[in-house]
Amino acid sequence: MILRASDLRIGVVHTERVVEDLTRTQIVQYAGASGDYNPIHTDEVFATQVAGYPSVFAHGMLTMGMTARMLTNLVGDARLTKFGVRFTNQVWPGDTLDASATVTALALRDGVHFAEFEVSTVNQIGVQVLSGYAEARIES
C-alpha cells in the first residue's frame, strides 16, 4: 500500500513493534555488519567487569536502524528526506521495542507533498530509548 497525502492528518500516530526480545546474537550480527566491535556491545566480561555495565547493550545505530525501518514501512522506500535522533536510554538484550511516528506537519512545496513526524521508540516497560524527527515525500 502506498501512503498518500489524503491518508494523513496532523496528530495521526503509526506504531510498529521493531524487535521482540532482542538477542545478543542480533547485537553481535549488527557489530559485524557495521564494523563496530566496541566490547561494551559484544563482550560480556568487558561490559560488566571493566566498564561497569550490567550487561552488553545494543549499538545506538542499531536502534536507529530499526526505527528507520518502521518509517520506511510507513512511507515507502527512498522517501525519507530527513531523519535525526537522540539516544535517550540504553537497549539491553531481551528488550522489546515499539517505534512510533506522529504526524506533526503537512506541507506542499513545489508541487510535492511532505509529511513531518515526531519519532519515538520505547522499550517493553515504556521507557523511551530514542527520540527524533523525520520528514518524507508523500504521494498526492
N, C-alpha and C. Protein backbone atom coordinates (compact mmCIF):
# COMPACT_ATOMS: atom_id res chain seq x y z
N MET A 1 0.83 -1.19 0.00
CA MET A 1 0.00 0.00 0.00
C MET A 1 0.87 1.25 0.00
N ILE A 2 0.58 2.19 -0.85
CA ILE A 2 1.31 3.45 -0.92
C ILE A 2 0.60 4.47 -0.05
N LEU A 3 1.34 5.07 0.88
CA LEU A 3 0.79 6.12 1.73
C LEU A 3 0.57 7.37 0.89
N ARG A 4 -0.59 7.95 1.00
CA ARG A 4 -0.93 9.15 0.24
C ARG A 4 -1.20 10.30 1.19
N ALA A 5 -1.02 11.53 0.68
CA ALA A 5 -1.23 12.73 1.49
C ALA A 5 -2.64 12.74 2.07
N SER A 6 -3.62 12.25 1.32
CA SER A 6 -5.00 12.24 1.80
C SER A 6 -5.21 11.29 2.97
N ASP A 7 -4.26 10.37 3.19
CA ASP A 7 -4.35 9.42 4.31
C ASP A 7 -3.90 10.03 5.63
N LEU A 8 -3.26 11.19 5.58
CA LEU A 8 -2.61 11.74 6.77
C LEU A 8 -3.33 12.96 7.31
N ARG A 9 -3.29 13.08 8.61
CA ARG A 9 -3.77 14.26 9.33
C ARG A 9 -2.78 14.52 10.45
N ILE A 10 -2.62 15.78 10.84
CA ILE A 10 -1.75 16.10 11.97
C ILE A 10 -2.28 15.38 13.21
N GLY A 11 -1.38 14.75 13.92
CA GLY A 11 -1.74 14.02 15.13
C GLY A 11 -1.90 12.52 14.93
N VAL A 12 -1.99 12.07 13.66
CA VAL A 12 -2.11 10.63 13.40
C VAL A 12 -0.82 9.94 13.83
N VAL A 13 -0.96 8.81 14.52
CA VAL A 13 0.19 8.07 15.04
C VAL A 13 0.24 6.69 14.40
N HIS A 14 1.41 6.32 13.93
CA HIS A 14 1.67 4.96 13.43
C HIS A 14 2.66 4.32 14.40
N THR A 15 2.32 3.13 14.89
CA THR A 15 3.20 2.40 15.82
C THR A 15 3.48 1.02 15.25
N GLU A 16 4.72 0.58 15.46
CA GLU A 16 5.12 -0.73 14.96
C GLU A 16 6.13 -1.35 15.92
N ARG A 17 5.96 -2.63 16.21
CA ARG A 17 6.96 -3.36 17.00
C ARG A 17 8.15 -3.62 16.08
N VAL A 18 9.34 -3.13 16.48
CA VAL A 18 10.51 -3.26 15.62
C VAL A 18 11.42 -4.40 16.03
N VAL A 19 11.32 -4.84 17.28
CA VAL A 19 12.05 -6.04 17.70
C VAL A 19 11.38 -6.56 18.97
N GLU A 20 11.28 -7.88 19.03
CA GLU A 20 10.76 -8.53 20.22
C GLU A 20 11.85 -9.42 20.78
N ASP A 21 12.18 -9.20 22.04
CA ASP A 21 13.20 -10.00 22.73
C ASP A 21 14.54 -9.94 21.98
N LEU A 22 15.11 -8.75 21.90
CA LEU A 22 16.40 -8.54 21.23
C LEU A 22 17.43 -9.51 21.79
N THR A 23 18.13 -10.19 20.91
CA THR A 23 19.11 -11.19 21.35
C THR A 23 20.54 -10.66 21.27
N ARG A 24 21.40 -11.27 22.05
CA ARG A 24 22.83 -10.95 21.97
C ARG A 24 23.34 -11.26 20.56
N THR A 25 22.83 -12.31 19.95
CA THR A 25 23.24 -12.66 18.60
C THR A 25 22.92 -11.53 17.63
N GLN A 26 21.73 -10.93 17.75
CA GLN A 26 21.39 -9.81 16.88
C GLN A 26 22.33 -8.63 17.09
N ILE A 27 22.72 -8.40 18.34
CA ILE A 27 23.65 -7.30 18.63
C ILE A 27 25.01 -7.59 18.00
N VAL A 28 25.48 -8.82 18.12
CA VAL A 28 26.78 -9.19 17.53
C VAL A 28 26.69 -9.16 16.00
N GLN A 29 25.57 -9.59 15.45
CA GLN A 29 25.40 -9.52 14.00
C GLN A 29 25.48 -8.07 13.53
N TYR A 30 24.88 -7.15 14.29
CA TYR A 30 24.97 -5.74 13.93
C TYR A 30 26.42 -5.27 14.03
N ALA A 31 27.14 -5.71 15.04
CA ALA A 31 28.56 -5.33 15.16
C ALA A 31 29.31 -5.74 13.89
N GLY A 32 29.04 -6.95 13.41
CA GLY A 32 29.69 -7.41 12.19
C GLY A 32 29.29 -6.61 10.98
N ALA A 33 28.00 -6.30 10.86
CA ALA A 33 27.52 -5.54 9.71
C ALA A 33 28.06 -4.11 9.71
N SER A 34 28.19 -3.52 10.89
CA SER A 34 28.61 -2.12 10.99
C SER A 34 30.11 -1.95 11.12
N GLY A 35 30.79 -3.02 11.56
CA GLY A 35 32.22 -2.91 11.83
C GLY A 35 32.52 -2.30 13.19
N ASP A 36 31.51 -2.10 14.02
CA ASP A 36 31.68 -1.51 15.35
C ASP A 36 31.74 -2.64 16.38
N TYR A 37 32.96 -3.04 16.69
CA TYR A 37 33.19 -4.14 17.63
C TYR A 37 33.54 -3.65 19.02
N ASN A 38 33.08 -2.46 19.40
CA ASN A 38 33.33 -1.97 20.74
C ASN A 38 32.90 -3.05 21.73
N PRO A 39 33.79 -3.46 22.65
CA PRO A 39 33.47 -4.58 23.53
C PRO A 39 32.30 -4.32 24.49
N ILE A 40 31.87 -3.08 24.67
CA ILE A 40 30.69 -2.86 25.51
C ILE A 40 29.43 -3.42 24.84
N HIS A 41 29.52 -3.72 23.55
CA HIS A 41 28.39 -4.28 22.82
C HIS A 41 28.52 -5.79 22.61
N THR A 42 29.72 -6.33 22.73
CA THR A 42 29.92 -7.72 22.32
C THR A 42 30.59 -8.61 23.36
N ASP A 43 31.21 -8.05 24.37
CA ASP A 43 32.00 -8.83 25.33
C ASP A 43 31.41 -8.65 26.73
N GLU A 44 30.70 -9.68 27.20
CA GLU A 44 30.01 -9.61 28.49
C GLU A 44 30.98 -9.34 29.64
N VAL A 45 32.13 -9.99 29.64
CA VAL A 45 33.10 -9.80 30.72
C VAL A 45 33.60 -8.36 30.72
N PHE A 46 33.95 -7.84 29.56
CA PHE A 46 34.41 -6.45 29.49
C PHE A 46 33.30 -5.50 29.93
N ALA A 47 32.10 -5.69 29.39
CA ALA A 47 30.99 -4.77 29.69
C ALA A 47 30.69 -4.73 31.18
N THR A 48 30.74 -5.89 31.84
CA THR A 48 30.36 -5.94 33.25
C THR A 48 31.53 -5.66 34.19
N GLN A 49 32.67 -6.28 33.95
CA GLN A 49 33.76 -6.20 34.92
C GLN A 49 34.70 -5.03 34.69
N VAL A 50 34.84 -4.58 33.46
CA VAL A 50 35.73 -3.46 33.17
C VAL A 50 34.94 -2.14 33.07
N ALA A 51 33.89 -2.15 32.26
CA ALA A 51 33.14 -0.92 32.01
C ALA A 51 32.07 -0.65 33.08
N GLY A 52 31.69 -1.68 33.84
CA GLY A 52 30.75 -1.49 34.93
C GLY A 52 29.27 -1.46 34.55
N TYR A 53 28.94 -1.95 33.37
CA TYR A 53 27.54 -2.03 32.97
C TYR A 53 26.95 -3.34 33.46
N PRO A 54 25.64 -3.44 33.55
CA PRO A 54 25.03 -4.71 33.97
C PRO A 54 25.12 -5.81 32.92
N SER A 55 25.37 -5.43 31.67
CA SER A 55 25.45 -6.40 30.57
C SER A 55 25.97 -5.66 29.35
N VAL A 56 26.14 -6.39 28.25
CA VAL A 56 26.36 -5.74 26.97
C VAL A 56 25.07 -5.02 26.60
N PHE A 57 25.14 -4.06 25.69
CA PHE A 57 23.93 -3.38 25.24
C PHE A 57 24.05 -3.07 23.76
N ALA A 58 22.91 -2.79 23.16
CA ALA A 58 22.84 -2.58 21.71
C ALA A 58 23.49 -1.27 21.30
N HIS A 59 24.02 -1.26 20.11
CA HIS A 59 24.53 -0.04 19.49
C HIS A 59 23.36 0.94 19.29
N GLY A 60 23.60 2.20 19.51
CA GLY A 60 22.56 3.19 19.25
C GLY A 60 22.10 3.15 17.81
N MET A 61 23.04 2.95 16.90
CA MET A 61 22.69 2.94 15.48
C MET A 61 21.84 1.72 15.11
N LEU A 62 21.91 0.64 15.89
CA LEU A 62 21.01 -0.49 15.66
C LEU A 62 19.57 -0.06 15.97
N THR A 63 19.40 0.62 17.09
CA THR A 63 18.08 1.13 17.45
C THR A 63 17.58 2.12 16.40
N MET A 64 18.47 2.98 15.93
CA MET A 64 18.10 3.95 14.90
C MET A 64 17.68 3.23 13.62
N GLY A 65 18.42 2.22 13.24
CA GLY A 65 18.10 1.47 12.03
C GLY A 65 16.75 0.77 12.12
N MET A 66 16.46 0.18 13.27
CA MET A 66 15.16 -0.48 13.45
C MET A 66 14.03 0.53 13.40
N THR A 67 14.27 1.70 13.97
CA THR A 67 13.27 2.77 13.94
C THR A 67 13.08 3.27 12.51
N ALA A 68 14.17 3.39 11.76
CA ALA A 68 14.08 3.81 10.36
C ALA A 68 13.27 2.82 9.53
N ARG A 69 13.41 1.54 9.85
CA ARG A 69 12.62 0.53 9.13
C ARG A 69 11.12 0.77 9.34
N MET A 70 10.74 1.15 10.56
CA MET A 70 9.34 1.49 10.82
C MET A 70 8.91 2.63 9.91
N LEU A 71 9.76 3.65 9.78
CA LEU A 71 9.43 4.80 8.93
C LEU A 71 9.30 4.41 7.47
N THR A 72 10.24 3.63 6.96
CA THR A 72 10.15 3.26 5.54
C THR A 72 9.01 2.28 5.30
N ASN A 73 8.66 1.47 6.31
CA ASN A 73 7.45 0.65 6.17
C ASN A 73 6.22 1.54 6.04
N LEU A 74 6.23 2.68 6.71
CA LEU A 74 5.11 3.61 6.68
C LEU A 74 5.06 4.42 5.39
N VAL A 75 6.17 5.04 5.01
CA VAL A 75 6.15 5.99 3.89
C VAL A 75 6.65 5.41 2.58
N GLY A 76 7.36 4.29 2.63
CA GLY A 76 7.91 3.68 1.42
C GLY A 76 9.41 3.93 1.30
N ASP A 77 10.04 3.12 0.49
CA ASP A 77 11.49 3.22 0.28
C ASP A 77 11.83 4.52 -0.45
N ALA A 78 12.99 5.06 -0.16
CA ALA A 78 13.57 6.23 -0.84
C ALA A 78 12.70 7.47 -0.73
N ARG A 79 11.93 7.58 0.35
CA ARG A 79 11.06 8.74 0.52
C ARG A 79 11.47 9.63 1.69
N LEU A 80 12.28 9.11 2.60
CA LEU A 80 12.73 9.94 3.73
C LEU A 80 13.66 11.03 3.21
N THR A 81 13.40 12.27 3.62
CA THR A 81 14.26 13.38 3.24
C THR A 81 15.04 13.91 4.44
N LYS A 82 14.55 13.62 5.65
CA LYS A 82 15.25 13.99 6.88
C LYS A 82 14.98 12.92 7.92
N PHE A 83 15.99 12.65 8.74
CA PHE A 83 15.82 11.70 9.84
C PHE A 83 16.94 11.97 10.83
N GLY A 84 16.58 12.35 12.02
CA GLY A 84 17.57 12.61 13.06
C GLY A 84 17.05 12.09 14.39
N VAL A 85 17.96 11.60 15.22
CA VAL A 85 17.54 11.04 16.50
C VAL A 85 18.48 11.43 17.62
N ARG A 86 18.00 11.19 18.82
CA ARG A 86 18.79 11.30 20.04
C ARG A 86 18.57 10.00 20.80
N PHE A 87 19.64 9.38 21.25
CA PHE A 87 19.54 8.15 22.03
C PHE A 87 19.32 8.54 23.48
N THR A 88 18.21 8.11 24.07
CA THR A 88 17.83 8.58 25.39
C THR A 88 18.04 7.55 26.50
N ASN A 89 18.12 6.28 26.15
CA ASN A 89 18.40 5.22 27.12
C ASN A 89 19.00 4.03 26.39
N GLN A 90 19.66 3.17 27.14
CA GLN A 90 20.29 2.01 26.52
C GLN A 90 19.25 0.92 26.23
N VAL A 91 19.58 0.11 25.23
CA VAL A 91 18.76 -1.02 24.84
C VAL A 91 19.53 -2.29 25.19
N TRP A 92 18.90 -3.14 25.98
CA TRP A 92 19.56 -4.33 26.53
C TRP A 92 19.07 -5.60 25.84
N PRO A 93 19.87 -6.66 25.90
CA PRO A 93 19.37 -7.95 25.43
C PRO A 93 18.07 -8.28 26.16
N GLY A 94 17.11 -8.80 25.41
CA GLY A 94 15.81 -9.13 25.98
C GLY A 94 14.78 -8.03 25.81
N ASP A 95 15.20 -6.83 25.45
CA ASP A 95 14.25 -5.73 25.28
C ASP A 95 13.36 -5.97 24.06
N THR A 96 12.15 -5.49 24.18
CA THR A 96 11.19 -5.43 23.07
C THR A 96 10.96 -3.95 22.80
N LEU A 97 11.06 -3.55 21.54
CA LEU A 97 10.96 -2.13 21.18
C LEU A 97 9.79 -1.86 20.25
N ASP A 98 9.06 -0.80 20.58
CA ASP A 98 7.98 -0.31 19.74
C ASP A 98 8.33 1.11 19.31
N ALA A 99 8.27 1.35 18.01
CA ALA A 99 8.58 2.67 17.45
C ALA A 99 7.29 3.32 16.97
N SER A 100 7.22 4.63 17.12
CA SER A 100 6.04 5.35 16.65
C SER A 100 6.46 6.61 15.90
N ALA A 101 5.59 6.99 14.97
CA ALA A 101 5.77 8.22 14.21
C ALA A 101 4.45 8.98 14.28
N THR A 102 4.51 10.21 14.78
CA THR A 102 3.33 11.06 14.89
C THR A 102 3.44 12.18 13.88
N VAL A 103 2.43 12.34 13.05
CA VAL A 103 2.43 13.41 12.05
C VAL A 103 2.34 14.75 12.77
N THR A 104 3.33 15.61 12.54
CA THR A 104 3.36 16.93 13.18
C THR A 104 3.10 18.07 12.20
N ALA A 105 3.31 17.82 10.91
CA ALA A 105 3.10 18.87 9.91
C ALA A 105 2.92 18.24 8.53
N LEU A 106 2.13 18.90 7.70
CA LEU A 106 1.94 18.51 6.31
C LEU A 106 2.19 19.74 5.46
N ALA A 107 2.89 19.56 4.36
CA ALA A 107 3.24 20.72 3.53
C ALA A 107 3.22 20.33 2.06
N LEU A 108 3.01 21.32 1.23
CA LEU A 108 3.10 21.18 -0.22
C LEU A 108 4.15 22.18 -0.67
N ARG A 109 5.28 21.67 -1.19
CA ARG A 109 6.36 22.53 -1.65
C ARG A 109 6.69 22.18 -3.09
N ASP A 110 6.60 23.16 -3.96
CA ASP A 110 6.89 22.96 -5.39
C ASP A 110 6.12 21.77 -5.96
N GLY A 111 4.87 21.63 -5.53
CA GLY A 111 4.02 20.57 -6.06
C GLY A 111 4.24 19.21 -5.43
N VAL A 112 5.11 19.13 -4.44
CA VAL A 112 5.41 17.84 -3.79
C VAL A 112 4.88 17.88 -2.36
N HIS A 113 4.17 16.82 -1.97
CA HIS A 113 3.65 16.71 -0.61
C HIS A 113 4.73 16.17 0.32
N PHE A 114 4.80 16.77 1.50
CA PHE A 114 5.73 16.32 2.53
C PHE A 114 4.99 16.15 3.84
N ALA A 115 5.43 15.18 4.63
CA ALA A 115 4.91 15.00 5.99
C ALA A 115 6.09 15.03 6.94
N GLU A 116 5.90 15.70 8.07
CA GLU A 116 6.91 15.72 9.13
C GLU A 116 6.38 14.88 10.28
N PHE A 117 7.31 14.19 10.93
CA PHE A 117 6.95 13.27 12.01
C PHE A 117 7.81 13.51 13.24
N GLU A 118 7.21 13.33 14.41
CA GLU A 118 7.94 13.17 15.66
C GLU A 118 8.08 11.67 15.84
N VAL A 119 9.30 11.22 16.14
CA VAL A 119 9.59 9.79 16.21
C VAL A 119 10.00 9.43 17.63
N SER A 120 9.54 8.28 18.08
CA SER A 120 9.90 7.81 19.42
C SER A 120 9.95 6.29 19.41
N THR A 121 10.91 5.74 20.14
CA THR A 121 10.98 4.29 20.33
C THR A 121 11.05 4.04 21.83
N VAL A 122 10.22 3.12 22.29
CA VAL A 122 10.16 2.79 23.72
C VAL A 122 10.37 1.30 23.91
N ASN A 123 10.86 0.96 25.13
CA ASN A 123 11.04 -0.46 25.44
C ASN A 123 9.76 -1.04 26.06
N GLN A 124 9.83 -2.29 26.46
CA GLN A 124 8.67 -3.03 26.94
C GLN A 124 8.05 -2.46 28.22
N ILE A 125 8.78 -1.62 28.94
CA ILE A 125 8.20 -1.01 30.15
C ILE A 125 7.88 0.47 29.92
N GLY A 126 7.92 0.89 28.66
CA GLY A 126 7.53 2.24 28.32
C GLY A 126 8.61 3.29 28.43
N VAL A 127 9.85 2.88 28.67
CA VAL A 127 10.96 3.84 28.76
C VAL A 127 11.41 4.20 27.35
N GLN A 128 11.46 5.50 27.08
CA GLN A 128 11.89 5.96 25.76
C GLN A 128 13.39 5.71 25.61
N VAL A 129 13.77 5.06 24.51
CA VAL A 129 15.18 4.79 24.23
C VAL A 129 15.70 5.63 23.06
N LEU A 130 14.78 6.24 22.31
CA LEU A 130 15.16 7.06 21.16
C LEU A 130 14.06 8.09 20.94
N SER A 131 14.48 9.33 20.65
CA SER A 131 13.53 10.36 20.24
C SER A 131 14.10 11.00 18.99
N GLY A 132 13.22 11.53 18.15
CA GLY A 132 13.74 12.15 16.95
C GLY A 132 12.67 12.75 16.07
N TYR A 133 13.06 12.99 14.82
CA TYR A 133 12.17 13.61 13.85
C TYR A 133 12.46 13.00 12.49
N ALA A 134 11.49 13.14 11.61
CA ALA A 134 11.67 12.68 10.24
C ALA A 134 10.78 13.52 9.33
N GLU A 135 11.16 13.55 8.06
CA GLU A 135 10.35 14.16 7.02
C GLU A 135 10.39 13.22 5.82
N ALA A 136 9.26 13.15 5.11
CA ALA A 136 9.19 12.26 3.95
C ALA A 136 8.35 12.87 2.85
N ARG A 137 8.71 12.53 1.62
CA ARG A 137 7.88 12.87 0.47
C ARG A 137 6.71 11.89 0.46
N ILE A 138 5.51 12.41 0.19
CA ILE A 138 4.30 11.59 0.21
C ILE A 138 3.59 11.75 -1.13
N GLU A 139 3.06 10.66 -1.64
CA GLU A 139 2.30 10.71 -2.90
C GLU A 139 1.08 11.61 -2.74
N SER A 140 0.66 12.21 -3.84
CA SER A 140 -0.54 13.08 -3.83
C SER A 140 -1.77 12.30 -3.44
